[in-house]
């Protein structure tokens, strides 16, 4: 039995990262609309963790605050 490792392409990585970012922002949006403080905290923690792991990308925290908190 042989095992081959397949390295994802840059496009596949970018798509996966975009999906994760969208999931975090969506989770925050849903929690905020419901007034669910634990859900908001969890989404913010995920955003901070993602931002720390991906310092070369624009921060998800900035996206969340620009979209939702600026309107408040």
Protein backbone atom coordinates (compact mmCIF):
# COMPACT_ATOMS: atom_id res chain seq x y z
CA UNK A 1 0.00 0.00 0.00
CA UNK A 2 1.44 3.36 -0.94
CA UNK A 3 0.30 6.67 0.33
CA UNK A 4 0.58 9.78 -1.80
CA UNK A 5 0.34 13.23 -0.36
CA UNK A 6 -1.36 15.73 -2.59
CA UNK A 7 -0.48 19.35 -2.09
CA UNK A 8 -3.46 21.63 -2.65
CA UNK A 9 -3.09 24.39 -5.20
CA UNK A 10 -2.96 28.03 -4.19
CA UNK A 11 -6.48 28.47 -5.57
CA UNK A 12 -7.80 25.60 -3.45
CA UNK A 13 -6.17 27.05 -0.35
CA UNK A 14 -7.59 30.50 -1.08
CA UNK A 15 -11.08 29.02 -1.59
CA UNK A 16 -10.88 27.11 1.68
CA UNK A 17 -9.72 30.21 3.56
CA UNK A 18 -12.53 32.26 2.03
CA UNK A 19 -15.02 29.61 3.16
CA UNK A 20 -13.68 29.68 6.72
CA UNK A 21 -13.77 33.49 6.80
CA UNK A 22 -17.37 33.46 5.53
CA UNK A 23 -18.40 30.92 8.16
CA UNK A 24 -16.91 33.04 10.95
CA UNK A 25 -18.60 36.22 9.74
CA UNK A 26 -21.91 34.40 9.26
CA UNK A 27 -21.73 32.90 12.76
CA UNK A 28 -21.12 36.36 14.21
CA UNK A 29 -23.98 37.85 12.20
CA UNK A 30 -26.45 35.18 13.30
CA UNK A 31 -25.43 35.38 16.95
CA UNK A 32 -25.59 39.18 16.94
CA UNK A 33 -29.05 39.23 15.33
CA UNK A 34 -30.30 36.83 18.01
CA UNK A 35 -28.57 38.69 20.83
CA UNK A 36 -26.77 35.47 21.75
CA UNK A 37 -23.75 36.67 23.74
CA UNK A 38 -22.05 33.28 23.95
CA UNK A 39 -22.35 32.88 20.17
CA UNK A 40 -20.93 36.34 19.62
CA UNK A 41 -18.02 35.58 21.93
CA UNK A 42 -17.34 32.27 20.17
CA UNK A 43 -17.34 33.90 16.73
CA UNK A 44 -15.01 36.66 17.94
CA UNK A 45 -12.67 34.07 19.44
CA UNK A 46 -12.64 32.18 16.13
CA UNK A 47 -11.92 35.42 14.28
CA UNK A 48 -9.02 36.29 16.60
CA UNK A 49 -7.61 32.77 16.27
CA UNK A 50 -7.91 32.86 12.48
CA UNK A 51 -6.27 36.30 12.35
CA UNK A 52 -3.37 35.11 14.52
CA UNK A 53 -2.84 32.08 12.29
CA UNK A 54 -3.03 34.13 9.07
CA UNK A 55 -1.17 37.40 9.72
CA UNK A 56 -0.61 38.10 6.00
CA UNK A 57 -4.34 38.36 5.28
CA UNK A 58 -6.70 41.18 6.11
CA UNK A 59 -8.10 40.57 9.60
CA UNK A 60 -11.51 38.94 9.94
CA UNK A 61 -12.04 41.09 13.04
CA UNK A 62 -11.83 44.20 10.85
CA UNK A 63 -14.38 42.73 8.45
CA UNK A 64 -16.78 41.96 11.29
CA UNK A 65 -16.46 45.40 12.84
CA UNK A 66 -16.74 47.17 9.49
CA UNK A 67 -19.87 45.25 8.46
CA UNK A 68 -21.78 45.02 11.72
CA UNK A 69 -20.48 47.24 14.46
CA UNK A 70 -20.09 50.42 12.40
CA UNK A 71 -23.81 50.36 11.66
CA UNK A 72 -24.74 50.12 15.32
